[in-house]
PDB file of N, CA and C in Angstrom:
ATOM      1  N   MET A   1       0.677  -0.806  -0.093  1.00  0.00           N
ATOM      2  CA  MET A   1       0.342  -0.026   0.178  1.00  0.00           C
ATOM      3  C   MET A   1       0.499   1.201   0.255  1.00  0.00           C
ATOM      4  N   ARG A   2       0.465   1.567  -0.763  1.00  0.00           N
ATOM      5  CA  ARG A   2       1.396   3.462  -1.037  1.00  0.00           C
ATOM      6  C   ARG A   2       1.306   4.243   0.514  1.00  0.00           C
ATOM      7  N   LEU A   3       2.045   5.120   1.008  1.00  0.00           N
ATOM      8  CA  LEU A   3       1.828   5.585   1.909  1.00  0.00           C
ATOM      9  C   LEU A   3       0.841   7.185   1.866  1.00  0.00           C
ATOM     10  N   ASP A   4       1.026   7.717   0.507  1.00  0.00           N
ATOM     11  CA  ASP A   4       0.224   8.874   0.293  1.00  0.00           C
ATOM     12  C   ASP A   4      -1.269   8.296   0.650  1.00  0.00           C
ATOM     13  N   LYS A   5      -1.605   6.867   0.227  1.00  0.00           N
ATOM     14  CA  LYS A   5      -3.416   6.576  -0.541  1.00  0.00           C
ATOM     15  C   LYS A   5      -3.493   6.071   1.193  1.00  0.00           C
ATOM     16  N   TRP A   6      -2.243   5.537   1.985  1.00  0.00           N
ATOM     17  CA  TRP A   6      -3.201   5.139   3.129  1.00  0.00           C
ATOM     18  C   TRP A   6      -2.860   6.276   4.055  1.00  0.00           C
ATOM     19  N   LEU A   7      -2.708   7.257   4.356  1.00  0.00           N
ATOM     20  CA  LEU A   7      -2.572   8.604   4.613  1.00  0.00           C
ATOM     21  C   LEU A   7      -3.891   9.273   4.805  1.00  0.00           C
ATOM     22  N   TRP A   8      -4.231   9.196   3.429  1.00  0.00           N
ATOM     23  CA  TRP A   8      -5.780   9.910   3.027  1.00  0.00           C
ATOM     24  C   TRP A   8      -6.598   9.060   3.556  1.00  0.00           C
ATOM     25  N   ALA A   9      -6.554   7.682   3.140  1.00  0.00           N
ATOM     26  CA  ALA A   9      -8.047   7.026   3.685  1.00  0.00           C
ATOM     27  C   ALA A   9      -7.833   6.658   5.129  1.00  0.00           C
ATOM     28  N   ALA A  10      -6.807   6.884   5.686  1.00  0.00           N
ATOM     29  CA  ALA A  10      -6.509   6.935   7.203  1.00  0.00           C
ATOM     30  C   ALA A  10      -7.459   8.640   7.748  1.00  0.00           C
ATOM     31  N   ARG A  11      -7.426   9.568   6.811  1.00  0.00           N
ATOM     32  CA  ARG A  11      -7.876  10.838   7.065  1.00  0.00           C
ATOM     33  C   ARG A  11      -7.391  11.864   7.836  1.00  0.00           C
ATOM     34  N   PHE A  12      -5.762  11.386   7.288  1.00  0.00           N
ATOM     35  CA  PHE A  12      -4.764  12.485   8.219  1.00  0.00           C
ATOM     36  C   PHE A  12      -4.954  13.467   7.271  1.00  0.00           C
ATOM     37  N   PHE A  13      -4.721  13.172   6.096  1.00  0.00           N
ATOM     38  CA  PHE A  13      -5.009  14.485   4.870  1.00  0.00           C
ATOM     39  C   PHE A  13      -6.638  14.558   4.010  1.00  0.00           C
ATOM     40  N   LYS A  14      -6.768  15.983   3.259  1.00  0.00           N
ATOM     41  CA  LYS A  14      -8.533  15.623   2.795  1.00  0.00           C
ATOM     42  C   LYS A  14      -8.175  15.571   1.385  1.00  0.00           C
ATOM     43  N   THR A  15      -7.008  15.619   1.164  1.00  0.00           N
ATOM     44  CA  THR A  15      -6.677  15.039  -0.354  1.00  0.00           C
ATOM     45  C   THR A  15      -5.831  13.591  -0.504  1.00  0.00           C
ATOM     46  N   ARG A  16      -5.218  13.601  -1.658  1.00  0.00           N
ATOM     47  CA  ARG A  16      -4.017  13.011  -1.550  1.00  0.00           C
ATOM     48  C   ARG A  16      -3.133  13.538  -1.926  1.00  0.00           C
ATOM     49  N   SER A  17      -3.127  15.064  -2.911  1.00  0.00           N
ATOM     50  CA  SER A  17      -2.209  16.046  -3.254  1.00  0.00           C
ATOM     51  C   SER A  17      -1.678  16.603  -2.130  1.00  0.00           C
ATOM     52  N   LEU A  18      -2.812  16.605  -0.955  1.00  0.00           N
ATOM     53  CA  LEU A  18      -1.868  17.401   0.258  1.00  0.00           C
ATOM     54  C   LEU A  18      -1.343  16.498   1.044  1.00  0.00           C
ATOM     55  N   ALA A  19      -1.099  15.205   0.806  1.00  0.00           N
ATOM     56  CA  ALA A  19      -0.732  13.866   1.944  1.00  0.00           C
ATOM     57  C   ALA A  19       0.536  13.635   1.108  1.00  0.00           C
ATOM     58  N   LYS A  20       0.650  13.834  -0.500  1.00  0.00           N
ATOM     59  CA  LYS A  20       1.990  13.861  -1.210  1.00  0.00           C
ATOM     60  C   LYS A  20       3.013  15.534  -0.822  1.00  0.00           C
ATOM     61  N   ALA A  21       1.896  16.124  -0.524  1.00  0.00           N
ATOM     62  CA  ALA A  21       2.857  17.636   0.038  1.00  0.00           C
ATOM     63  C   ALA A  21       3.587  17.565   0.984  1.00  0.00           C
ATOM     64  N   ALA A  22       2.678  16.775   1.667  1.00  0.00           N
ATOM     65  CA  ALA A  22       3.402  16.889   3.365  1.00  0.00           C
ATOM     66  C   ALA A  22       4.418  16.110   3.415  1.00  0.00           C
ATOM     67  N   ILE A  23       4.498  14.878   2.808  1.00  0.00           N
ATOM     68  CA  ILE A  23       5.459  13.789   2.758  1.00  0.00           C
ATOM     69  C   ILE A  23       6.699  14.395   1.802  1.00  0.00           C
ATOM     70  N   GLU A  24       6.584  15.167   0.785  1.00  0.00           N
ATOM     71  CA  GLU A  24       7.874  15.967  -0.119  1.00  0.00           C
ATOM     72  C   GLU A  24       8.323  17.127   0.893  1.00  0.00           C
ATOM     73  N   GLY A  25       7.627  17.676   1.873  1.00  0.00           N
ATOM     74  CA  GLY A  25       7.576  18.160   2.475  1.00  0.00           C
ATOM     75  C   GLY A  25       8.652  18.188   3.591  1.00  0.00           C
ATOM     76  N   GLY A  26       9.030  16.648   4.137  1.00  0.00           N
ATOM     77  CA  GLY A  26       9.453  16.182   5.515  1.00  0.00           C
ATOM     78  C   GLY A  26       8.730  16.176   6.660  1.00  0.00           C
ATOM     79  N   LYS A  27       7.555  16.213   6.268  1.00  0.00           N
ATOM     80  CA  LYS A  27       6.482  16.278   7.627  1.00  0.00           C
ATOM     81  C   LYS A  27       6.188  14.919   7.940  1.00  0.00           C
ATOM     82  N   VAL A  28       6.277  13.745   7.383  1.00  0.00           N
ATOM     83  CA  VAL A  28       5.911  12.531   7.776  1.00  0.00           C
ATOM     84  C   VAL A  28       7.197  11.604   7.939  1.00  0.00           C
ATOM     85  N   HIS A  29       7.454  10.913   8.988  1.00  0.00           N
ATOM     86  CA  HIS A  29       8.771  10.151   8.286  1.00  0.00           C
ATOM     87  C   HIS A  29       8.515   8.663   9.065  1.00  0.00           C
ATOM     88  N   LEU A  30       8.725   7.375   8.355  1.00  0.00           N
ATOM     89  CA  LEU A  30       8.479   5.901   8.307  1.00  0.00           C
ATOM     90  C   LEU A  30      10.098   5.778   9.459  1.00  0.00           C
ATOM     91  N   GLY A  31       9.861   5.189  11.039  1.00  0.00           N
ATOM     92  CA  GLY A  31      11.164   4.748  11.322  1.00  0.00           C
ATOM     93  C   GLY A  31      11.840   5.805  11.621  1.00  0.00           C
ATOM     94  N   GLY A  32      11.390   6.924  11.285  1.00  0.00           N
ATOM     95  CA  GLY A  32      12.729   8.057  11.806  1.00  0.00           C
ATOM     96  C   GLY A  32      13.537   8.717  10.537  1.00  0.00           C
ATOM     97  N   GLN A  33      12.790   7.860   9.602  1.00  0.00           N
ATOM     98  CA  GLN A  33      13.450   8.587   8.046  1.00  0.00           C
ATOM     99  C   GLN A  33      12.959   9.008   7.498  1.00  0.00           C
ATOM    100  N   ARG A  34      13.275  10.298   6.197  1.00  0.00           N
ATOM    101  CA  ARG A  34      12.681  10.724   5.565  1.00  0.00           C
ATOM    102  C   ARG A  34      11.986   9.735   4.536  1.00  0.00           C
ATOM    103  N   VAL A  35      10.804   9.669   4.061  1.00  0.00           N
ATOM    104  CA  VAL A  35       9.940   8.631   2.983  1.00  0.00           C
ATOM    105  C   VAL A  35       9.694   9.064   1.703  1.00  0.00           C
ATOM    106  N   LYS A  36       9.404   8.543   0.690  1.00  0.00           N
ATOM    107  CA  LYS A  36       8.990   8.875  -0.816  1.00  0.00           C
ATOM    108  C   LYS A  36       7.670   8.736  -0.996  1.00  0.00           C
ATOM    109  N   VAL A  37       6.603   9.543  -1.318  1.00  0.00           N
ATOM    110  CA  VAL A  37       5.149   8.951  -1.528  1.00  0.00           C
ATOM    111  C   VAL A  37       4.712   8.427  -1.829  1.00  0.00           C
ATOM    112  N   SER A  38       5.506   7.357  -3.077  1.00  0.00           N
ATOM    113  CA  SER A  38       4.831   5.949  -3.156  1.00  0.00           C
ATOM    114  C   SER A  38       5.712   4.848  -2.386  1.00  0.00           C
ATOM    115  N   ARG A  39       6.037   5.166  -1.255  1.00  0.00           N
ATOM    116  CA  ARG A  39       6.917   4.046  -0.265  1.00  0.00           C
ATOM    117  C   ARG A  39       5.360   3.080   0.194  1.00  0.00           C
ATOM    118  N   GLU A  40       6.294   2.083   0.253  1.00  0.00           N
ATOM    119  CA  GLU A  40       5.416   0.940   0.458  1.00  0.00           C
ATOM    120  C   GLU A  40       4.912   0.825   2.198  1.00  0.00           C
ATOM    121  N   ILE A  41       4.039   0.875   2.651  1.00  0.00           N
ATOM    122  CA  ILE A  41       3.994   0.527   4.165  1.00  0.00           C
ATOM    123  C   ILE A  41       3.199  -1.037   4.489  1.00  0.00           C
ATOM    124  N   ALA A  42       3.523  -1.526   5.726  1.00  0.00           N
ATOM    125  CA  ALA A  42       2.646  -2.786   6.092  1.00  0.00           C
ATOM    126  C   ALA A  42       2.368  -2.392   7.539  1.00  0.00           C
ATOM    127  N   VAL A  43       1.304  -3.359   7.890  1.00  0.00           N
ATOM    128  CA  VAL A  43       1.017  -3.729   9.381  1.00  0.00           C
ATOM    129  C   VAL A  43       2.372  -3.588  10.085  1.00  0.00           C
ATOM    130  N   GLY A  44       1.838  -2.722  11.633  1.00  0.00           N
ATOM    131  CA  GLY A  44       2.931  -2.542  12.642  1.00  0.00           C
ATOM    132  C   GLY A  44       4.369  -1.506  12.301  1.00  0.00           C
ATOM    133  N   ASP A  45       4.187  -0.923  11.175  1.00  0.00           N
ATOM    134  CA  ASP A  45       5.274   0.291  10.433  1.00  0.00           C
ATOM    135  C   ASP A  45       4.905   1.653  11.476  1.00  0.00           C
ATOM    136  N   THR A  46       5.735   2.105  12.386  1.00  0.00           N
ATOM    137  CA  THR A  46       5.514   3.447  12.909  1.00  0.00           C
ATOM    138  C   THR A  46       5.678   4.855  12.119  1.00  0.00           C
ATOM    139  N   LEU A  47       4.862   5.383  12.111  1.00  0.00           N
ATOM    140  CA  LEU A  47       4.898   6.923  11.367  1.00  0.00           C
ATOM    141  C   LEU A  47       4.702   8.280  12.154  1.00  0.00           C
ATOM    142  N   GLN A  48       5.629   8.996  11.634  1.00  0.00           N
ATOM    143  CA  GLN A  48       5.758  10.352  12.691  1.00  0.00           C
ATOM    144  C   GLN A  48       5.203  11.027  12.102  1.00  0.00           C
ATOM    145  N   ILE A  49       3.941  11.617  12.422  1.00  0.00           N
ATOM    146  CA  ILE A  49       3.476  12.581  11.254  1.00  0.00           C
ATOM    147  C   ILE A  49       3.064  14.082  11.468  1.00  0.00           C
ATOM    148  N   ARG A  50       3.629  15.063  10.949  1.00  0.00           N
ATOM    149  CA  ARG A  50       3.272  16.621  11.689  1.00  0.00           C
ATOM    150  C   ARG A  50       2.471  17.472  10.967  1.00  0.00           C
ATOM    151  N   GLN A  51       1.305  17.801  11.639  1.00  0.00           N
ATOM    152  CA  GLN A  51       0.126  18.891  11.080  1.00  0.00           C
ATOM    153  C   GLN A  51       0.024  19.683  11.356  1.00  0.00           C
ATOM    154  N   GLY A  52       0.260  20.704  11.514  1.00  0.00           N
ATOM    155  CA  GLY A  52       0.930  22.447  12.033  1.00  0.00           C
ATOM    156  C   GLY A  52       1.136  22.299  13.546  1.00  0.00           C
ATOM    157  N   TRP A  53       0.749  22.542  14.445  1.00  0.00           N
ATOM    158  CA  TRP A  53       1.492  22.967  16.143  1.00  0.00           C
ATOM    159  C   TRP A  53       1.576  20.921  16.330  1.00  0.00           C
ATOM    160  N   ASP A  54       1.055  20.155  15.986  1.00  0.00           N
ATOM    161  CA  ASP A  54       0.429  19.051  16.408  1.00  0.00           C
ATOM    162  C   ASP A  54       1.966  17.865  15.792  1.00  0.00           C
ATOM    163  N   GLU A  55       1.875  17.242  16.551  1.00  0.00           N
ATOM    164  CA  GLU A  55       3.203  15.657  15.771  1.00  0.00           C
ATOM    165  C   GLU A  55       2.249  14.521  16.176  1.00  0.00           C
ATOM    166  N   LYS A  56       2.005  13.474  15.582  1.00  0.00           N
ATOM    167  CA  LYS A  56       1.578  12.705  16.098  1.00  0.00           C
ATOM    168  C   LYS A  56       2.694  11.298  15.821  1.00  0.00           C
ATOM    169  N   THR A  57       2.546   9.949  16.890  1.00  0.00           N
ATOM    170  CA  THR A  57       3.384   8.806  15.674  1.00  0.00           C
ATOM    171  C   THR A  57       2.209   7.797  16.176  1.00  0.00           C
ATOM    172  N   VAL A  58       2.350   7.205  15.243  1.00  0.00           N
ATOM    173  CA  VAL A  58       0.857   6.282  14.896  1.00  0.00           C
ATOM    174  C   VAL A  58       1.942   4.932  14.665  1.00  0.00           C
ATOM    175  N   VAL A  59       1.061   4.002  14.920  1.00  0.00           N
ATOM    176  CA  VAL A  59       1.244   2.303  14.287  1.00  0.00           C
ATOM    177  C   VAL A  59       0.114   1.907  13.721  1.00  0.00           C
ATOM    178  N   VAL A  60       1.016   1.794  12.488  1.00  0.00           N
ATOM    179  CA  VAL A  60      -0.416   0.979  11.385  1.00  0.00           C
ATOM    180  C   VAL A  60      -1.251  -0.439  11.699  1.00  0.00           C
ATOM    181  N   GLN A  61      -2.469  -0.103  11.650  1.00  0.00           N
ATOM    182  CA  GLN A  61      -2.688  -1.374  11.892  1.00  0.00           C
ATOM    183  C   GLN A  61      -3.288  -1.560  11.295  1.00  0.00           C
ATOM    184  N   GLY A  62      -4.093  -1.532  10.381  1.00  0.00           N
ATOM    185  CA  GLY A  62      -4.933  -2.218   8.926  1.00  0.00           C
ATOM    186  C   GLY A  62      -3.899  -1.558   8.160  1.00  0.00           C
ATOM    187  N   LEU A  63      -4.620  -1.713   6.826  1.00  0.00           N
ATOM    188  CA  LEU A  63      -4.448  -0.862   5.412  1.00  0.00           C
ATOM    189  C   LEU A  63      -5.744  -0.844   4.440  1.00  0.00           C
ATOM    190  N   SER A  64      -5.626   0.253   4.173  1.00  0.00           N
ATOM    191  CA  SER A  64      -7.544   0.612   3.095  1.00  0.00           C
ATOM    192  C   SER A  64      -6.676   1.251   2.332  1.00  0.00           C
ATOM    193  N   ASP A  65      -7.455   1.540   1.348  1.00  0.00           N
ATOM    194  CA  ASP A  65      -7.103   2.340  -0.275  1.00  0.00           C
ATOM    195  C   ASP A  65      -8.494   3.001  -0.379  1.00  0.00           C
ATOM    196  N   GLN A  66      -9.520   3.018   0.675  1.00  0.00           N
ATOM    197  CA  GLN A  66     -10.467   3.350   0.525  1.00  0.00           C
ATOM    198  C   GLN A  66     -10.643   4.374   1.570  1.00  0.00           C
ATOM    199  N   ARG A  67     -11.099   5.496   1.436  1.00  0.00           N
ATOM    200  CA  ARG A  67     -11.616   6.540   2.314  1.00  0.00           C
ATOM    201  C   ARG A  67     -13.282   5.976   2.749  1.00  0.00           C
ATOM    202  N   ARG A  68     -12.656   6.097   3.963  1.00  0.00           N
ATOM    203  CA  ARG A  68     -14.165   5.782   4.538  1.00  0.00           C
ATOM    204  C   ARG A  68     -14.863   6.706   5.783  1.00  0.00           C
ATOM    205  N   GLY A  69     -15.664   6.119   6.691  1.00  0.00           N
ATOM    206  CA  GLY A  69     -15.956   7.281   7.549  1.00  0.00           C
ATOM    207  C   GLY A  69     -14.803   7.173   8.859  1.00  0.00           C
ATOM    208  N   ALA A  70     -14.705   8.061   9.497  1.00  0.00           N
ATOM    209  CA  ALA A  70     -14.058   8.446  10.654  1.00  0.00           C
ATOM    210  C   ALA A  70     -13.668   7.051  11.175  1.00  0.00           C
ATOM    211  N   PRO A  71     -14.995   6.377  12.108  1.00  0.00           N
ATOM    212  CA  PRO A  71     -14.377   5.322  12.833  1.00  0.00           C
ATOM    213  C   PRO A  71     -13.486   4.722  12.234  1.00  0.00           C
ATOM    214  N   GLU A  72     -14.092   3.788  10.918  1.00  0.00           N
ATOM    215  CA  GLU A  72     -13.503   3.072  10.156  1.00  0.00           C
ATOM    216  C   GLU A  72     -11.902   3.544  10.102  1.00  0.00           C
ATOM    217  N   ALA A  73     -11.985   4.898   9.709  1.00  0.00           N
ATOM    218  CA  ALA A  73     -10.421   5.319   9.678  1.00  0.00           C
ATOM    219  C   ALA A  73      -9.240   5.209  10.638  1.00  0.00           C
ATOM    220  N   GLN A  74      -9.837   5.651  12.121  1.00  0.00           N
ATOM    221  CA  GLN A  74      -9.305   5.154  13.129  1.00  0.00           C
ATOM    222  C   GLN A  74      -8.938   4.096  13.584  1.00  0.00           C
ATOM    223  N   ALA A  75      -9.237   2.910  12.872  1.00  0.00           N
ATOM    224  CA  ALA A  75      -9.137   1.708  13.333  1.00  0.00           C
ATOM    225  C   ALA A  75      -8.035   1.221  12.117  1.00  0.00           C
ATOM    226  N   LEU A  76      -7.322   1.833  11.534  1.00  0.00           N
ATOM    227  CA  LEU A  76      -6.170   2.206  10.766  1.00  0.00           C
ATOM    228  C   LEU A  76      -5.095   2.086  11.308  1.00  0.00           C
ATOM    229  N   TYR A  77      -5.443   2.643  12.297  1.00  0.00           N
ATOM    230  CA  TYR A  77      -3.853   3.198  13.168  1.00  0.00           C
ATOM    231  C   TYR A  77      -4.191   3.308  14.862  1.00  0.00           C
ATOM    232  N   LEU A  78      -2.993   2.957  15.320  1.00  0.00           N
ATOM    233  CA  LEU A  78      -3.077   3.123  17.100  1.00  0.00           C
ATOM    234  C   LEU A  78      -2.190   4.690  17.390  1.00  0.00           C
ATOM    235  N   GLU A  79      -2.585   5.611  17.597  1.00  0.00           N
ATOM    236  CA  GLU A  79      -1.401   6.600  17.896  1.00  0.00           C
ATOM    237  C   GLU A  79      -0.450   5.947  19.198  1.00  0.00           C
ATOM    238  N   THR A  80       0.498   6.456  19.551  1.00  0.00           N
ATOM    239  CA  THR A  80       0.935   5.741  20.460  1.00  0.00           C
ATOM    240  C   THR A  80       0.655   6.635  22.308  1.00  0.00           C
ATOM    241  N   ALA A  81       0.773   6.383  23.290  1.00  0.00           N
ATOM    242  CA  ALA A  81       0.203   7.112  24.524  1.00  0.00           C
ATOM    243  C   ALA A  81       1.009   8.201  24.816  1.00  0.00           C
ATOM    244  N   GLU A  82       2.765   7.601  24.333  1.00  0.00           N
ATOM    245  CA  GLU A  82       3.637   8.766  24.964  1.00  0.00           C
ATOM    246  C   GLU A  82       3.398   9.885  23.160  1.00  0.00           C
ATOM    247  N   SER A  83       2.657  10.020  22.773  1.00  0.00           N
ATOM    248  CA  SER A  83       2.241  11.142  21.575  1.00  0.00           C
ATOM    249  C   SER A  83       1.456  11.766  21.835  1.00  0.00           C
ATOM    250  N   LEU A  84       0.210  11.027  22.614  1.00  0.00           N
ATOM    251  CA  LEU A  84      -0.912  11.437  23.095  1.00  0.00           C
ATOM    252  C   LEU A  84      -1.076  12.999  24.284  1.00  0.00           C
ATOM    253  N   GLN A  85       0.272  12.240  25.443  1.00  0.00           N
ATOM    254  CA  GLN A  85       1.022  12.980  26.279  1.00  0.00           C
ATOM    255  C   GLN A  85       1.366  14.197  25.807  1.00  0.00           C
ATOM    256  N   ARG A  86       2.769  14.119  24.952  1.00  0.00           N
ATOM    257  CA  ARG A  86       3.394  15.144  24.234  1.00  0.00           C
ATOM    258  C   ARG A  86       1.991  16.475  23.687  1.00  0.00           C
ATOM    259  N   ARG A  87       0.821  15.764  22.408  1.00  0.00           N
ATOM    260  CA  ARG A  87       0.203  16.860  22.358  1.00  0.00           C
ATOM    261  C   ARG A  87      -0.669  17.613  23.315  1.00  0.00           C
ATOM    262  N   GLU A  88      -0.928  16.561  24.190  1.00  0.00           N
ATOM    263  CA  GLU A  88      -1.989  17.409  25.120  1.00  0.00           C
ATOM    264  C   GLU A  88      -1.209  17.864  25.776  1.00  0.00           C
ATOM    265  N   ALA A  89       0.309  18.390  26.360  1.00  0.00           N
ATOM    266  CA  ALA A  89       1.507  18.947  27.187  1.00  0.00           C
ATOM    267  C   ALA A  89       1.329  20.084  26.053  1.00  0.00           C
ATOM    268  N   ALA A  90       1.472  20.090  25.052  1.00  0.00           N
ATOM    269  CA  ALA A  90       1.667  21.583  23.874  1.00  0.00           C
ATOM    270  C   ALA A  90       0.559  21.796  23.873  1.00  0.00           C
ATOM    271  N   ALA A  91      -0.346  21.558  24.026  1.00  0.00           N
ATOM    272  CA  ALA A  91      -1.614  22.373  23.792  1.00  0.00           C
ATOM    273  C   ALA A  91      -1.616  22.750  24.999  1.00  0.00           C
ATOM    274  N   ALA A  92      -1.684  22.547  26.154  1.00  0.00           N
ATOM    275  CA  ALA A  92      -1.999  23.302  27.637  1.00  0.00           C
ATOM    276  C   ALA A  92      -1.306  24.007  27.330  1.00  0.00           C
ATOM    277  N   ALA A  93       0.096  24.331  26.814  1.00  0.00           N
ATOM    278  CA  ALA A  93       1.512  25.536  27.371  1.00  0.00           C
ATOM    279  C   ALA A  93       0.811  26.604  26.031  1.00  0.00           C
ATOM    280  N   ARG A  94       0.427  26.177  24.813  1.00  0.00           N
ATOM    281  CA  ARG A  94      -0.273  27.052  23.943  1.00  0.00           C
ATOM    282  C   ARG A  94      -1.389  27.669  24.427  1.00  0.00           C
ATOM    283  N   LYS A  95      -2.231  27.102  25.091  1.00  0.00           N
ATOM    284  CA  LYS A  95      -3.851  28.073  25.762  1.00  0.00           C
ATOM    285  C   LYS A  95      -3.249  28.463  26.806  1.00  0.00           C
ATOM    286  N   ALA A  96      -2.177  28.497  27.645  1.00  0.00           N
ATOM    287  CA  ALA A  96      -1.683  29.333  28.725  1.00  0.00           C
ATOM    288  C   ALA A  96      -0.509  30.340  28.132  1.00  0.00           C
ATOM    289  N   ALA A  97      -0.134  30.543  27.214  1.00  0.00           N
ATOM    290  CA  ALA A  97       0.840  31.233  26.236  1.00  0.00           C
ATOM    291  C   ALA A  97      -0.479  32.293  25.499  1.00  0.00           C
ATOM    292  N   GLY A  98      -1.570  31.804  25.257  1.00  0.00           N
ATOM    293  CA  GLY A  98      -2.084  32.447  24.549  1.00  0.00           C
ATOM    294  C   GLY A  98      -2.769  33.860  24.695  1.00  0.00           C
ATOM    295  N   GLY A  99      -2.379  34.064  25.949  1.00  0.00           N
ATOM    296  CA  GLY A  99      -3.821  34.913  27.020  1.00  0.00           C
ATOM    297  C   GLY A  99      -2.230  36.229  26.918  1.00  0.00           C
ATOM    298  N   MET A 100      -0.881  35.829  26.389  1.00  0.00           N
ATOM    299  CA  MET A 100       0.323  36.838  26.470  1.00  0.00           C
ATOM    300  C   MET A 100       0.548  37.453  24.886  1.00  0.00           C
ATOM    301  N   ILE A 101      -0.391  36.737  23.980  1.00  0.00           N
ATOM    302  CA  ILE A 101       0.344  37.292  22.412  1.00  0.00           C
ATOM    303  C   ILE A 101      -0.827  37.980  22.444  1.00  0.00           C
ATOM    304  N   GLU A 102      -0.265  39.059  21.973  1.00  0.00           N
ATOM    305  CA  GLU A 102      -1.434  40.214  20.851  1.00  0.00           C
ATOM    306  C   GLU A 102      -1.413  40.172  19.905  1.00  0.00           C
ATOM    307  N   ARG A 103      -2.842  40.123  19.728  1.00  0.00           N
ATOM    308  CA  ARG A 103      -3.039  39.888  18.684  1.00  0.00           C
ATOM    309  C   ARG A 103      -3.546  41.499  17.576  1.00  0.00           C
ATOM    310  N   PRO A 104      -3.640  42.287  17.007  1.00  0.00           N
ATOM    311  CA  PRO A 104      -4.350  43.397  15.994  1.00  0.00           C
ATOM    312  C   PRO A 104      -6.014  42.820  15.932  1.00  0.00           C
ATOM    313  N   LEU A 105      -6.682  44.148  16.672  1.00  0.00           N
ATOM    314  CA  LEU A 105      -8.129  43.498  16.484  1.00  0.00           C
ATOM    315  C   LEU A 105      -8.455  43.478  15.113  1.00  0.00           C
ATOM    316  N   GLY A 106      -8.060  43.817  14.224  1.00  0.00           N
ATOM    317  CA  GLY A 106      -8.568  43.832  12.802  1.00  0.00           C
ATOM    318  C   GLY A 106      -7.176  45.041  11.667  1.00  0.00           C
ATOM    319  N   ARG A 107      -8.086  45.466  10.826  1.00  0.00           N
ATOM    320  CA  ARG A 107      -7.355  46.071   9.560  1.00  0.00           C
ATOM    321  C   ARG A 107      -6.635  47.197  10.196  1.00  0.00           C
ATOM    322  N   PRO A 108      -5.674  47.662  10.283  1.00  0.00           N
ATOM    323  CA  PRO A 108      -5.086  48.782  10.392  1.00  0.00           C
ATOM    324  C   PRO A 108      -5.890  50.345   9.920  1.00  0.00           C
ATOM    325  N   THR A 109      -6.178  51.301  10.330  1.00  0.00           N
ATOM    326  CA  THR A 109      -6.837  52.493   9.724  1.00  0.00           C
ATOM    327  C   THR A 109      -5.880  53.071   9.107  1.00  0.00           C
ATOM    328  N   LYS A 110      -6.448  54.134   8.027  1.00  0.00           N
ATOM    329  CA  LYS A 110      -5.576  55.239   7.413  1.00  0.00           C
ATOM    330  C   LYS A 110      -4.552  55.804   7.686  1.00  0.00           C
ATOM    331  N   LYS A 111      -4.414  56.204   8.990  1.00  0.00           N
ATOM    332  CA  LYS A 111      -3.721  56.638   9.986  1.00  0.00           C
ATOM    333  C   LYS A 111      -2.484  55.833  10.121  1.00  0.00           C
ATOM    334  N   GLN A 112      -3.048  54.502  10.501  1.00  0.00           N
ATOM    335  CA  GLN A 112      -2.319  53.828  10.991  1.00  0.00           C
ATOM    336  C   GLN A 112      -1.356  53.108   9.908  1.00  0.00           C
ATOM    337  N   ARG A 113      -1.851  52.975   9.056  1.00  0.00           N
ATOM    338  CA  ARG A 113      -1.150  52.336   7.272  1.00  0.00           C
ATOM    339  C   ARG A 113      -0.497  53.734   6.863  1.00  0.00           C
ATOM    340  N   ARG A 114      -0.523  54.945   6.998  1.00  0.00           N
ATOM    341  CA  ARG A 114       0.268  55.649   7.138  1.00  0.00           C
ATOM    342  C   ARG A 114       1.800  55.794   7.814  1.00  0.00           C
ATOM    343  N   GLN A 115       1.480  55.347   8.677  1.00  0.00           N
ATOM    344  CA  GLN A 115       2.037  55.523   9.758  1.00  0.00           C
ATOM    345  C   GLN A 115       3.374  54.090   9.304  1.00  0.00           C
ATOM    346  N   ILE A 116       2.993  53.014   9.645  1.00  0.00           N
ATOM    347  CA  ILE A 116       3.509  51.521   9.033  1.00  0.00           C
ATOM    348  C   ILE A 116       4.537  52.238   7.729  1.00  0.00           C
ATOM    349  N   HIS A 117       3.663  53.028   6.860  1.00  0.00           N
ATOM    350  CA  HIS A 117       4.124  53.374   5.633  1.00  0.00           C
ATOM    351  C   HIS A 117       6.031  54.090   5.969  1.00  0.00           C
ATOM    352  N   ARG A 118       5.716  55.199   6.826  1.00  0.00           N
ATOM    353  CA  ARG A 118       6.355  56.000   6.427  1.00  0.00           C
ATOM    354  C   ARG A 118       7.522  54.982   7.314  1.00  0.00           C
ATOM    355  N   PHE A 119       7.426  53.946   8.766  1.00  0.00           N
ATOM    356  CA  PHE A 119       8.436  53.454   9.228  1.00  0.00           C
ATOM    357  C   PHE A 119       9.204  52.511   8.448  1.00  0.00           C
ATOM    358  N   LYS A 120       8.506  52.074   7.616  1.00  0.00           N
ATOM    359  CA  LYS A 120       9.083  50.943   6.657  1.00  0.00           C
ATOM    360  C   LYS A 120      10.407  51.996   5.552  1.00  0.00           C
ATOM    361  N   THR A 121       9.646  52.560   5.200  1.00  0.00           N
ATOM    362  CA  THR A 121      10.536  53.538   4.028  1.00  0.00           C
ATOM    363  C   THR A 121      11.701  54.166   5.065  1.00  0.00           C
ATOM    364  N   GLY A 122      11.245  54.831   5.889  1.00  0.00           N
ATOM    365  CA  GLY A 122      12.261  55.699   6.703  1.00  0.00           C
ATOM    366  C   GLY A 122      12.440  57.186   6.501  1.00  0.00           C
ATOM    367  N   GLU A 123      10.959  57.247   6.101  1.00  0.00           N
ATOM    368  CA  GLU A 123      10.418  58.867   5.676  1.00  0.00           C
ATOM    369  C   GLU A 123      10.288  59.640   7.067  1.00  0.00           C
ATOM    370  N   ASP A 124      10.847  60.797   6.872  1.00  0.00           N
ATOM    371  CA  ASP A 124      10.290  61.770   8.016  1.00  0.00           C
ATOM    372  C   ASP A 124       9.411  63.404   7.786  1.00  0.00           C
ATOM    373  N   ASP A 125       8.423  63.489   8.287  1.00  0.00           N
ATOM    374  CA  ASP A 125       7.643  64.403   7.907  1.00  0.00           C
ATOM    375  C   ASP A 125       7.798  65.487   8.987  1.00  0.00           C
TER     376      ASP A 125
END
């Protein structure tokens, strides 16, 4: 079974092209090594998959080349206990730090855009 097809069938990625891009971008490792899209996987293989902020370590439990419902897709893999703990700890840390990050409330006003432009170009009025 091809790796990109399995990732798509297991619902890690919405399309096979997204799965392919993630594999080529080094976001998916098999046994600690970067792999190619067409790599054949088997039951018992360990995959490290990075999606956004999260990194999951999963063990392949089944193979399927058809995309089915989420409960059937979750039966294709088993996430390791330490992977779950790492993800939960990282999510808690992000949530705790979330109040410290100042985010702009919206788009800059005309006056703020002028100030940004002056700052970037070094103009003094």
